[in-house]
Amino acid sequence: MKKFFMSAVVMSMGFVQAEQHPLFKGADIPLGEKLIAENSCNECHIRRVGGNGNSIYKPTGRINTAGALRGMVEYCNTELNLGFFPEDTNAVAAVLNLKHYKFRQH
């Protein structure tokens, strides 16, 4: 019963931290979502690839590891002068991993 309750609590928060790649362990998911919204990441992706912007997320493309994903978020941070701290970069990458890439330790 306790395990079910914890699963329900985690699911009700909109993410399953247990399914994350270890690189993103402990990442602040709500912070990542907030940073994505505040920095208009989706709008930039729409300008780059069109549509709803989601086609930029191609797990079989050049972003094929959790480390490469985090590196790409850091690249955006640097190029766009977003001012993210390392924990911010990790939080954003963790959100993208949960929503698009689904990298897990095998």
PDB file of N, CA and C in Angstrom:
ATOM      1  N   MET A   1       0.823  -1.190   0.000  1.00  0.00           N
ATOM      2  CA  MET A   1       0.000   0.000   0.000  1.00  0.00           C
ATOM      3  C   MET A   1       0.869   1.255   0.000  1.00  0.00           C
ATOM      4  N   LYS A   2       1.938   1.252   0.796  1.00  0.00           N
ATOM      5  CA  LYS A   2       2.826   2.401   0.874  1.00  0.00           C
ATOM      6  C   LYS A   2       3.475   2.670  -0.486  1.00  0.00           C
ATOM      7  N   LYS A   3       3.919   1.620  -1.180  1.00  0.00           N
ATOM      8  CA  LYS A   3       4.540   1.771  -2.491  1.00  0.00           C
ATOM      9  C   LYS A   3       3.556   2.381  -3.489  1.00  0.00           C
ATOM     10  N   PHE A   4       2.313   1.911  -3.474  1.00  0.00           N
ATOM     11  CA  PHE A   4       1.291   2.452  -4.367  1.00  0.00           C
ATOM     12  C   PHE A   4       1.061   3.932  -4.085  1.00  0.00           C
ATOM     13  N   PHE A   5       0.987   4.286  -2.806  1.00  0.00           N
ATOM     14  CA  PHE A   5       0.761   5.679  -2.428  1.00  0.00           C
ATOM     15  C   PHE A   5       1.881   6.567  -2.950  1.00  0.00           C
ATOM     16  N   MET A   6       3.123   6.156  -2.769  1.00  0.00           N
ATOM     17  CA  MET A   6       4.252   6.952  -3.244  1.00  0.00           C
ATOM     18  C   MET A   6       4.218   7.083  -4.763  1.00  0.00           C
ATOM     19  N   SER A   7       3.877   6.006  -5.463  1.00  0.00           N
ATOM     20  CA  SER A   7       3.774   6.063  -6.919  1.00  0.00           C
ATOM     21  C   SER A   7       2.698   7.053  -7.339  1.00  0.00           C
ATOM     22  N   ALA A   8       1.590   7.040  -6.642  1.00  0.00           N
ATOM     23  CA  ALA A   8       0.503   7.956  -6.964  1.00  0.00           C
ATOM     24  C   ALA A   8       0.921   9.398  -6.718  1.00  0.00           C
ATOM     25  N   VAL A   9       1.654   9.642  -5.654  1.00  0.00           N
ATOM     26  CA  VAL A   9       2.123  10.993  -5.355  1.00  0.00           C
ATOM     27  C   VAL A   9       3.082  11.462  -6.444  1.00  0.00           C
ATOM     28  N   VAL A  10       4.021  10.624  -6.815  1.00  0.00           N
ATOM     29  CA  VAL A  10       4.986  10.987  -7.856  1.00  0.00           C
ATOM     30  C   VAL A  10       4.263  11.217  -9.175  1.00  0.00           C
ATOM     31  N   MET A  11       3.340  10.342  -9.535  1.00  0.00           N
ATOM     32  CA  MET A  11       2.604  10.488 -10.787  1.00  0.00           C
ATOM     33  C   MET A  11       1.765  11.764 -10.774  1.00  0.00           C
ATOM     34  N   SER A  12       1.191  12.109  -9.617  1.00  0.00           N
ATOM     35  CA  SER A  12       0.357  13.304  -9.556  1.00  0.00           C
ATOM     36  C   SER A  12       1.184  14.571  -9.726  1.00  0.00           C
ATOM     37  N   MET A  13       2.488  14.495  -9.523  1.00  0.00           N
ATOM     38  CA  MET A  13       3.358  15.652  -9.698  1.00  0.00           C
ATOM     39  C   MET A  13       3.722  15.840 -11.158  1.00  0.00           C
ATOM     40  N   GLY A  14       3.340  14.913 -12.036  1.00  0.00           N
ATOM     41  CA  GLY A  14       3.556  15.085 -13.454  1.00  0.00           C
ATOM     42  C   GLY A  14       4.842  14.492 -13.972  1.00  0.00           C
ATOM     43  N   PHE A  15       5.566  13.752 -13.164  1.00  0.00           N
ATOM     44  CA  PHE A  15       6.794  13.129 -13.623  1.00  0.00           C
ATOM     45  C   PHE A  15       7.080  11.880 -12.806  1.00  0.00           C
ATOM     46  N   VAL A  16       7.925  11.060 -13.345  1.00  0.00           N
ATOM     47  CA  VAL A  16       8.345   9.857 -12.638  1.00  0.00           C
ATOM     48  C   VAL A  16       9.858   9.938 -12.520  1.00  0.00           C
ATOM     49  N   GLN A  17      10.327  10.479 -11.415  1.00  0.00           N
ATOM     50  CA  GLN A  17      11.752  10.686 -11.208  1.00  0.00           C
ATOM     51  C   GLN A  17      12.507   9.368 -11.268  1.00  0.00           C
ATOM     52  N   ALA A  18      11.891   8.283 -10.826  1.00  0.00           N
ATOM     53  CA  ALA A  18      12.568   6.989 -10.805  1.00  0.00           C
ATOM     54  C   ALA A  18      12.959   6.523 -12.206  1.00  0.00           C
ATOM     55  N   GLU A  19      12.263   6.990 -13.230  1.00  0.00           N
ATOM     56  CA  GLU A  19      12.563   6.569 -14.590  1.00  0.00           C
ATOM     57  C   GLU A  19      13.673   7.404 -15.228  1.00  0.00           C
ATOM     58  N   GLN A  20      14.145   8.410 -14.542  1.00  0.00           N
ATOM     59  CA  GLN A  20      15.169   9.285 -15.094  1.00  0.00           C
ATOM     60  C   GLN A  20      16.516   8.579 -15.199  1.00  0.00           C
ATOM     61  N   HIS A  21      17.317   9.022 -16.126  1.00  0.00           N
ATOM     62  CA  HIS A  21      18.701   8.594 -16.237  1.00  0.00           C
ATOM     63  C   HIS A  21      19.434   9.086 -14.984  1.00  0.00           C
ATOM     64  N   PRO A  22      20.386   8.320 -14.471  1.00  0.00           N
ATOM     65  CA  PRO A  22      21.102   8.741 -13.264  1.00  0.00           C
ATOM     66  C   PRO A  22      21.764  10.120 -13.379  1.00  0.00           C
ATOM     67  N   LEU A  23      22.101  10.549 -14.578  1.00  0.00           N
ATOM     68  CA  LEU A  23      22.695  11.860 -14.773  1.00  0.00           C
ATOM     69  C   LEU A  23      21.769  12.973 -14.282  1.00  0.00           C
ATOM     70  N   PHE A  24      20.469  12.704 -14.297  1.00  0.00           N
ATOM     71  CA  PHE A  24      19.489  13.713 -13.905  1.00  0.00           C
ATOM     72  C   PHE A  24      18.890  13.453 -12.516  1.00  0.00           C
ATOM     73  N   LYS A  25      19.503  12.537 -11.780  1.00  0.00           N
ATOM     74  CA  LYS A  25      18.997  12.204 -10.445  1.00  0.00           C
ATOM     75  C   LYS A  25      18.973  13.456  -9.571  1.00  0.00           C
ATOM     76  N   GLY A  26      17.844  13.680  -8.961  1.00  0.00           N
ATOM     77  CA  GLY A  26      17.692  14.817  -8.065  1.00  0.00           C
ATOM     78  C   GLY A  26      17.425  16.141  -8.761  1.00  0.00           C
ATOM     79  N   ALA A  27      17.269  16.114 -10.081  1.00  0.00           N
ATOM     80  CA  ALA A  27      17.001  17.356 -10.810  1.00  0.00           C
ATOM     81  C   ALA A  27      15.664  17.939 -10.374  1.00  0.00           C
ATOM     82  N   ASP A  28      15.591  19.237 -10.337  1.00  0.00           N
ATOM     83  CA  ASP A  28      14.390  19.966  -9.939  1.00  0.00           C
ATOM     84  C   ASP A  28      13.493  20.133 -11.167  1.00  0.00           C
ATOM     85  N   ILE A  29      12.571  19.201 -11.348  1.00  0.00           N
ATOM     86  CA  ILE A  29      11.698  19.174 -12.528  1.00  0.00           C
ATOM     87  C   ILE A  29      10.838  20.439 -12.622  1.00  0.00           C
ATOM     88  N   PRO A  30      10.182  20.861 -11.534  1.00  0.00           N
ATOM     89  CA  PRO A  30       9.389  22.097 -11.643  1.00  0.00           C
ATOM     90  C   PRO A  30      10.243  23.305 -12.043  1.00  0.00           C
ATOM     91  N   LEU A  31      11.468  23.377 -11.547  1.00  0.00           N
ATOM     92  CA  LEU A  31      12.367  24.463 -11.941  1.00  0.00           C
ATOM     93  C   LEU A  31      12.666  24.380 -13.434  1.00  0.00           C
ATOM     94  N   GLY A  32      12.953  23.183 -13.936  1.00  0.00           N
ATOM     95  CA  GLY A  32      13.230  23.013 -15.360  1.00  0.00           C
ATOM     96  C   GLY A  32      12.069  23.459 -16.219  1.00  0.00           C
ATOM     97  N   GLU A  33      10.863  23.080 -15.828  1.00  0.00           N
ATOM     98  CA  GLU A  33       9.672  23.493 -16.585  1.00  0.00           C
ATOM     99  C   GLU A  33       9.515  25.014 -16.565  1.00  0.00           C
ATOM    100  N   LYS A  34       9.770  25.618 -15.403  1.00  0.00           N
ATOM    101  CA  LYS A  34       9.676  27.064 -15.261  1.00  0.00           C
ATOM    102  C   LYS A  34      10.705  27.759 -16.157  1.00  0.00           C
ATOM    103  N   LEU A  35      11.942  27.269 -16.153  1.00  0.00           N
ATOM    104  CA  LEU A  35      12.996  27.877 -16.968  1.00  0.00           C
ATOM    105  C   LEU A  35      12.698  27.748 -18.459  1.00  0.00           C
ATOM    106  N   ILE A  36      12.160  26.614 -18.862  1.00  0.00           N
ATOM    107  CA  ILE A  36      11.790  26.417 -20.270  1.00  0.00           C
ATOM    108  C   ILE A  36      10.740  27.451 -20.676  1.00  0.00           C
ATOM    109  N   ALA A  37       9.752  27.656 -19.831  1.00  0.00           N
ATOM    110  CA  ALA A  37       8.689  28.629 -20.128  1.00  0.00           C
ATOM    111  C   ALA A  37       9.214  30.058 -20.100  1.00  0.00           C
ATOM    112  N   GLU A  38       9.964  30.407 -19.070  1.00  0.00           N
ATOM    113  CA  GLU A  38      10.455  31.776 -18.912  1.00  0.00           C
ATOM    114  C   GLU A  38      11.417  32.198 -20.020  1.00  0.00           C
ATOM    115  N   ASN A  39      12.159  31.241 -20.560  1.00  0.00           N
ATOM    116  CA  ASN A  39      13.164  31.568 -21.565  1.00  0.00           C
ATOM    117  C   ASN A  39      12.681  31.321 -22.987  1.00  0.00           C
ATOM    118  N   SER A  40      11.390  31.052 -23.133  1.00  0.00           N
ATOM    119  CA  SER A  40      10.761  30.893 -24.447  1.00  0.00           C
ATOM    120  C   SER A  40      11.479  29.880 -25.327  1.00  0.00           C
ATOM    121  N   CYS A  41      11.897  28.768 -24.722  1.00  0.00           N
ATOM    122  CA  CYS A  41      12.624  27.737 -25.466  1.00  0.00           C
ATOM    123  C   CYS A  41      11.801  27.225 -26.645  1.00  0.00           C
ATOM    124  N   ASN A  42      10.532  26.962 -26.414  1.00  0.00           N
ATOM    125  CA  ASN A  42       9.694  26.416 -27.478  1.00  0.00           C
ATOM    126  C   ASN A  42       9.578  27.386 -28.653  1.00  0.00           C
ATOM    127  N   GLU A  43       9.458  28.679 -28.372  1.00  0.00           N
ATOM    128  CA  GLU A  43       9.348  29.666 -29.439  1.00  0.00           C
ATOM    129  C   GLU A  43      10.610  29.666 -30.302  1.00  0.00           C
ATOM    130  N   CYS A  44      11.765  29.529 -29.678  1.00  0.00           N
ATOM    131  CA  CYS A  44      13.026  29.472 -30.425  1.00  0.00           C
ATOM    132  C   CYS A  44      13.056  28.212 -31.296  1.00  0.00           C
ATOM    133  N   HIS A  45      12.603  27.093 -30.741  1.00  0.00           N
ATOM    134  CA  HIS A  45      12.584  25.849 -31.502  1.00  0.00           C
ATOM    135  C   HIS A  45      11.617  25.940 -32.677  1.00  0.00           C
ATOM    136  N   ILE A  46      10.506  26.600 -32.482  1.00  0.00           N
ATOM    137  CA  ILE A  46       9.548  26.797 -33.583  1.00  0.00           C
ATOM    138  C   ILE A  46      10.204  27.606 -34.701  1.00  0.00           C
ATOM    139  N   ARG A  47      10.931  28.661 -34.348  1.00  0.00           N
ATOM    140  CA  ARG A  47      11.625  29.468 -35.362  1.00  0.00           C
ATOM    141  C   ARG A  47      12.655  28.630 -36.110  1.00  0.00           C
ATOM    142  N   ARG A  48      13.283  27.694 -35.423  1.00  0.00           N
ATOM    143  CA  ARG A  48      14.334  26.882 -36.047  1.00  0.00           C
ATOM    144  C   ARG A  48      13.787  25.758 -36.927  1.00  0.00           C
ATOM    145  N   VAL A  49      12.718  25.085 -36.461  1.00  0.00           N
ATOM    146  CA  VAL A  49      12.254  23.893 -37.177  1.00  0.00           C
ATOM    147  C   VAL A  49      10.809  23.967 -37.653  1.00  0.00           C
ATOM    148  N   GLY A  50      10.074  24.985 -37.243  1.00  0.00           N
ATOM    149  CA  GLY A  50       8.686  25.123 -37.658  1.00  0.00           C
ATOM    150  C   GLY A  50       7.742  24.239 -36.860  1.00  0.00           C
ATOM    151  N   GLY A  51       6.508  24.203 -37.298  1.00  0.00           N
ATOM    152  CA  GLY A  51       5.487  23.406 -36.615  1.00  0.00           C
ATOM    153  C   GLY A  51       5.342  23.821 -35.169  1.00  0.00           C
ATOM    154  N   ASN A  52       5.224  22.827 -34.296  1.00  0.00           N
ATOM    155  CA  ASN A  52       5.105  23.123 -32.870  1.00  0.00           C
ATOM    156  C   ASN A  52       6.467  23.122 -32.169  1.00  0.00           C
ATOM    157  N   GLY A  53       7.530  22.961 -32.917  1.00  0.00           N
ATOM    158  CA  GLY A  53       8.880  22.999 -32.365  1.00  0.00           C
ATOM    159  C   GLY A  53       9.402  21.674 -31.863  1.00  0.00           C
ATOM    160  N   ASN A  54       8.518  20.698 -31.717  1.00  0.00           N
ATOM    161  CA  ASN A  54       8.924  19.412 -31.145  1.00  0.00           C
ATOM    162  C   ASN A  54       9.786  18.566 -32.068  1.00  0.00           C
ATOM    163  N   SER A  55       9.795  18.859 -33.356  1.00  0.00           N
ATOM    164  CA  SER A  55      10.610  18.043 -34.250  1.00  0.00           C
ATOM    165  C   SER A  55      12.105  18.270 -34.019  1.00  0.00           C
ATOM    166  N   ILE A  56      12.444  19.276 -33.224  1.00  0.00           N
ATOM    167  CA  ILE A  56      13.845  19.495 -32.870  1.00  0.00           C
ATOM    168  C   ILE A  56      14.358  18.368 -31.975  1.00  0.00           C
ATOM    169  N   TYR A  57      13.420  17.705 -31.288  1.00  0.00           N
ATOM    170  CA  TYR A  57      13.787  16.615 -30.388  1.00  0.00           C
ATOM    171  C   TYR A  57      13.777  15.311 -31.169  1.00  0.00           C
ATOM    172  N   LYS A  58      14.922  14.897 -31.622  1.00  0.00           N
ATOM    173  CA  LYS A  58      15.022  13.660 -32.395  1.00  0.00           C
ATOM    174  C   LYS A  58      16.005  12.733 -31.688  1.00  0.00           C
ATOM    175  N   PRO A  59      15.516  11.859 -30.834  1.00  0.00           N
ATOM    176  CA  PRO A  59      16.410  10.982 -30.083  1.00  0.00           C
ATOM    177  C   PRO A  59      17.363  10.169 -30.958  1.00  0.00           C
ATOM    178  N   THR A  60      17.004   9.898 -32.205  1.00  0.00           N
ATOM    179  CA  THR A  60      17.901   9.138 -33.070  1.00  0.00           C
ATOM    180  C   THR A  60      18.865  10.048 -33.811  1.00  0.00           C
ATOM    181  N   GLY A  61      18.762  11.351 -33.596  1.00  0.00           N
ATOM    182  CA  GLY A  61      19.653  12.306 -34.248  1.00  0.00           C
ATOM    183  C   GLY A  61      20.958  12.459 -33.489  1.00  0.00           C
ATOM    184  N   ARG A  62      21.473  13.676 -33.472  1.00  0.00           N
ATOM    185  CA  ARG A  62      22.786  13.888 -32.859  1.00  0.00           C
ATOM    186  C   ARG A  62      22.736  13.865 -31.342  1.00  0.00           C
ATOM    187  N   ILE A  63      21.574  14.011 -30.760  1.00  0.00           N
ATOM    188  CA  ILE A  63      21.425  13.900 -29.309  1.00  0.00           C
ATOM    189  C   ILE A  63      21.031  12.459 -29.011  1.00  0.00           C
ATOM    190  N   ASN A  64      22.022  11.623 -28.746  1.00  0.00           N
ATOM    191  CA  ASN A  64      21.733  10.201 -28.556  1.00  0.00           C
ATOM    192  C   ASN A  64      22.200   9.657 -27.219  1.00  0.00           C
ATOM    193  N   THR A  65      22.578  10.545 -26.308  1.00  0.00           N
ATOM    194  CA  THR A  65      22.910  10.136 -24.937  1.00  0.00           C
ATOM    195  C   THR A  65      22.415  11.220 -23.977  1.00  0.00           C
ATOM    196  N   ALA A  66      22.283  10.845 -22.728  1.00  0.00           N
ATOM    197  CA  ALA A  66      21.882  11.817 -21.714  1.00  0.00           C
ATOM    198  C   ALA A  66      22.921  12.926 -21.594  1.00  0.00           C
ATOM    199  N   GLY A  67      24.192  12.596 -21.711  1.00  0.00           N
ATOM    200  CA  GLY A  67      25.249  13.592 -21.641  1.00  0.00           C
ATOM    201  C   GLY A  67      25.184  14.579 -22.795  1.00  0.00           C
ATOM    202  N   ALA A  68      24.883  14.080 -23.992  1.00  0.00           N
ATOM    203  CA  ALA A  68      24.748  14.961 -25.154  1.00  0.00           C
ATOM    204  C   ALA A  68      23.551  15.898 -24.982  1.00  0.00           C
ATOM    205  N   LEU A  69      22.489  15.402 -24.377  1.00  0.00           N
ATOM    206  CA  LEU A  69      21.316  16.236 -24.119  1.00  0.00           C
ATOM    207  C   LEU A  69      21.674  17.372 -23.172  1.00  0.00           C
ATOM    208  N   ARG A  70      22.331  17.031 -22.077  1.00  0.00           N
ATOM    209  CA  ARG A  70      22.728  18.070 -21.129  1.00  0.00           C
ATOM    210  C   ARG A  70      23.699  19.055 -21.794  1.00  0.00           C
ATOM    211  N   GLY A  71      24.592  18.536 -22.618  1.00  0.00           N
ATOM    212  CA  GLY A  71      25.523  19.399 -23.339  1.00  0.00           C
ATOM    213  C   GLY A  71      24.817  20.358 -24.277  1.00  0.00           C
ATOM    214  N   MET A  72      23.756  19.912 -24.940  1.00  0.00           N
ATOM    215  CA  MET A  72      23.009  20.782 -25.842  1.00  0.00           C
ATOM    216  C   MET A  72      22.282  21.877 -25.068  1.00  0.00           C
ATOM    217  N   VAL A  73      21.750  21.537 -23.909  1.00  0.00           N
ATOM    218  CA  VAL A  73      21.106  22.567 -23.081  1.00  0.00           C
ATOM    219  C   VAL A  73      22.159  23.594 -22.650  1.00  0.00           C
ATOM    220  N   GLU A  74      23.344  23.143 -22.307  1.00  0.00           N
ATOM    221  CA  GLU A  74      24.419  24.072 -21.934  1.00  0.00           C
ATOM    222  C   GLU A  74      24.825  24.924 -23.132  1.00  0.00           C
ATOM    223  N   TYR A  75      24.830  24.331 -24.325  1.00  0.00           N
ATOM    224  CA  TYR A  75      25.129  25.090 -25.543  1.00  0.00           C
ATOM    225  C   TYR A  75      24.116  26.223 -25.716  1.00  0.00           C
ATOM    226  N   CYS A  76      22.834  25.913 -25.578  1.00  0.00           N
ATOM    227  CA  CYS A  76      21.799  26.947 -25.690  1.00  0.00           C
ATOM    228  C   CYS A  76      22.004  28.017 -24.615  1.00  0.00           C
ATOM    229  N   ASN A  77      22.313  27.581 -23.409  1.00  0.00           N
ATOM    230  CA  ASN A  77      22.568  28.507 -22.304  1.00  0.00           C
ATOM    231  C   ASN A  77      23.685  29.479 -22.661  1.00  0.00           C
ATOM    232  N   THR A  78      24.765  28.961 -23.209  1.00  0.00           N
ATOM    233  CA  THR A  78      25.920  29.791 -23.555  1.00  0.00           C
ATOM    234  C   THR A  78      25.616  30.696 -24.743  1.00  0.00           C
ATOM    235  N   GLU A  79      25.079  30.111 -25.814  1.00  0.00           N
ATOM    236  CA  GLU A  79      24.810  30.875 -27.032  1.00  0.00           C
ATOM    237  C   GLU A  79      23.779  31.986 -26.816  1.00  0.00           C
ATOM    238  N   LEU A  80      22.797  31.715 -25.994  1.00  0.00           N
ATOM    239  CA  LEU A  80      21.718  32.686 -25.778  1.00  0.00           C
ATOM    240  C   LEU A  80      21.929  33.521 -24.518  1.00  0.00           C
ATOM    241  N   ASN A  81      23.061  33.285 -23.829  1.00  0.00           N
ATOM    242  CA  ASN A  81      23.404  34.032 -22.615  1.00  0.00           C
ATOM    243  C   ASN A  81      22.264  34.001 -21.592  1.00  0.00           C
ATOM    244  N   LEU A  82      21.773  32.790 -21.314  1.00  0.00           N
ATOM    245  CA  LEU A  82      20.633  32.630 -20.415  1.00  0.00           C
ATOM    246  C   LEU A  82      21.002  32.766 -18.944  1.00  0.00           C
ATOM    247  N   GLY A  83      22.254  32.529 -18.621  1.00  0.00           N
ATOM    248  CA  GLY A  83      22.691  32.672 -17.226  1.00  0.00           C
ATOM    249  C   GLY A  83      22.320  31.504 -16.335  1.00  0.00           C
ATOM    250  N   PHE A  84      22.141  30.320 -16.915  1.00  0.00           N
ATOM    251  CA  PHE A  84      21.810  29.141 -16.110  1.00  0.00           C
ATOM    252  C   PHE A  84      23.003  28.725 -15.266  1.00  0.00           C
ATOM    253  N   PHE A  85      22.725  28.328 -14.044  1.00  0.00           N
ATOM    254  CA  PHE A  85      23.694  27.650 -13.200  1.00  0.00           C
ATOM    255  C   PHE A  85      23.679  26.177 -13.596  1.00  0.00           C
ATOM    256  N   PRO A  86      24.689  25.397 -13.208  1.00  0.00           N
ATOM    257  CA  PRO A  86      24.693  23.969 -13.577  1.00  0.00           C
ATOM    258  C   PRO A  86      23.422  23.223 -13.176  1.00  0.00           C
ATOM    259  N   GLU A  87      22.874  23.543 -12.005  1.00  0.00           N
ATOM    260  CA  GLU A  87      21.648  22.857 -11.579  1.00  0.00           C
ATOM    261  C   GLU A  87      20.452  23.255 -12.444  1.00  0.00           C
ATOM    262  N   ASP A  88      20.476  24.458 -12.998  1.00  0.00           N
ATOM    263  CA  ASP A  88      19.423  24.895 -13.917  1.00  0.00           C
ATOM    264  C   ASP A  88      19.508  24.106 -15.225  1.00  0.00           C
ATOM    265  N   THR A  89      20.724  23.991 -15.746  1.00  0.00           N
ATOM    266  CA  THR A  89      20.948  23.224 -16.972  1.00  0.00           C
ATOM    267  C   THR A  89      20.476  21.796 -16.783  1.00  0.00           C
ATOM    268  N   ASN A  90      20.818  21.214 -15.647  1.00  0.00           N
ATOM    269  CA  ASN A  90      20.425  19.830 -15.373  1.00  0.00           C
ATOM    270  C   ASN A  90      18.907  19.704 -15.261  1.00  0.00           C
ATOM    271  N   ALA A  91      18.263  20.691 -14.645  1.00  0.00           N
ATOM    272  CA  ALA A  91      16.807  20.660 -14.496  1.00  0.00           C
ATOM    273  C   ALA A  91      16.115  20.724 -15.858  1.00  0.00           C
ATOM    274  N   VAL A  92      16.575  21.611 -16.733  1.00  0.00           N
ATOM    275  CA  VAL A  92      15.987  21.725 -18.067  1.00  0.00           C
ATOM    276  C   VAL A  92      16.212  20.432 -18.847  1.00  0.00           C
ATOM    277  N   ALA A  93      17.431  19.908 -18.806  1.00  0.00           N
ATOM    278  CA  ALA A  93      17.734  18.662 -19.516  1.00  0.00           C
ATOM    279  C   ALA A  93      16.889  17.511 -18.985  1.00  0.00           C
ATOM    280  N   ALA A  94      16.664  17.472 -17.677  1.00  0.00           N
ATOM    281  CA  ALA A  94      15.847  16.410 -17.087  1.00  0.00           C
ATOM    282  C   ALA A  94      14.413  16.471 -17.596  1.00  0.00           C
ATOM    283  N   VAL A  95      13.864  17.681 -17.720  1.00  0.00           N
ATOM    284  CA  VAL A  95      12.503  17.835 -18.253  1.00  0.00           C
ATOM    285  C   VAL A  95      12.458  17.347 -19.693  1.00  0.00           C
ATOM    286  N   LEU A  96      13.427  17.760 -20.494  1.00  0.00           N
ATOM    287  CA  LEU A  96      13.456  17.325 -21.894  1.00  0.00           C
ATOM    288  C   LEU A  96      13.608  15.814 -21.994  1.00  0.00           C
ATOM    289  N   ASN A  97      14.380  15.250 -21.088  1.00  0.00           N
ATOM    290  CA  ASN A  97      14.538  13.795 -21.086  1.00  0.00           C
ATOM    291  C   ASN A  97      13.218  13.105 -20.761  1.00  0.00           C
ATOM    292  N   LEU A  98      12.513  13.612 -19.773  1.00  0.00           N
ATOM    293  CA  LEU A  98      11.225  13.014 -19.403  1.00  0.00           C
ATOM    294  C   LEU A  98      10.194  13.129 -20.519  1.00  0.00           C
ATOM    295  N   LYS A  99      10.160  14.276 -21.182  1.00  0.00           N
ATOM    296  CA  LYS A  99       9.115  14.538 -22.168  1.00  0.00           C
ATOM    297  C   LYS A  99       9.435  14.031 -23.567  1.00  0.00           C
ATOM    298  N   HIS A 100      10.722  13.978 -23.918  1.00  0.00           N
ATOM    299  CA  HIS A 100      11.063  13.682 -25.307  1.00  0.00           C
ATOM    300  C   HIS A 100      12.038  12.529 -25.492  1.00  0.00           C
ATOM    301  N   TYR A 101      13.117  12.522 -24.746  1.00  0.00           N
ATOM    302  CA  TYR A 101      14.210  11.594 -25.050  1.00  0.00           C
ATOM    303  C   TYR A 101      14.097  10.248 -24.346  1.00  0.00           C
ATOM    304  N   LYS A 102      13.730  10.255 -23.095  1.00  0.00           N
ATOM    305  CA  LYS A 102      13.521   9.022 -22.325  1.00  0.00           C
ATOM    306  C   LYS A 102      14.791   8.186 -22.162  1.00  0.00           C
ATOM    307  N   PHE A 103      15.955   8.849 -22.024  1.00  0.00           N
ATOM    308  CA  PHE A 103      17.184   8.110 -21.763  1.00  0.00           C
ATOM    309  C   PHE A 103      17.119   7.517 -20.373  1.00  0.00           C
ATOM    310  N   ARG A 104      17.515   6.281 -20.258  1.00  0.00           N
ATOM    311  CA  ARG A 104      17.568   5.578 -18.963  1.00  0.00           C
ATOM    312  C   ARG A 104      18.855   4.797 -18.929  1.00  0.00           C
ATOM    313  N   GLN A 105      19.303   4.502 -17.732  1.00  0.00           N
ATOM    314  CA  GLN A 105      20.493   3.653 -17.580  1.00  0.00           C
ATOM    315  C   GLN A 105      20.091   2.226 -17.909  1.00  0.00           C
ATOM    316  N   HIS A 106      20.901   1.564 -18.682  1.00  0.00           N
ATOM    317  CA  HIS A 106      20.584   0.167 -19.042  1.00  0.00           C
ATOM    318  C   HIS A 106      21.406  -0.788 -18.232  1.00  0.00           C
TER     319      HIS A 106
END
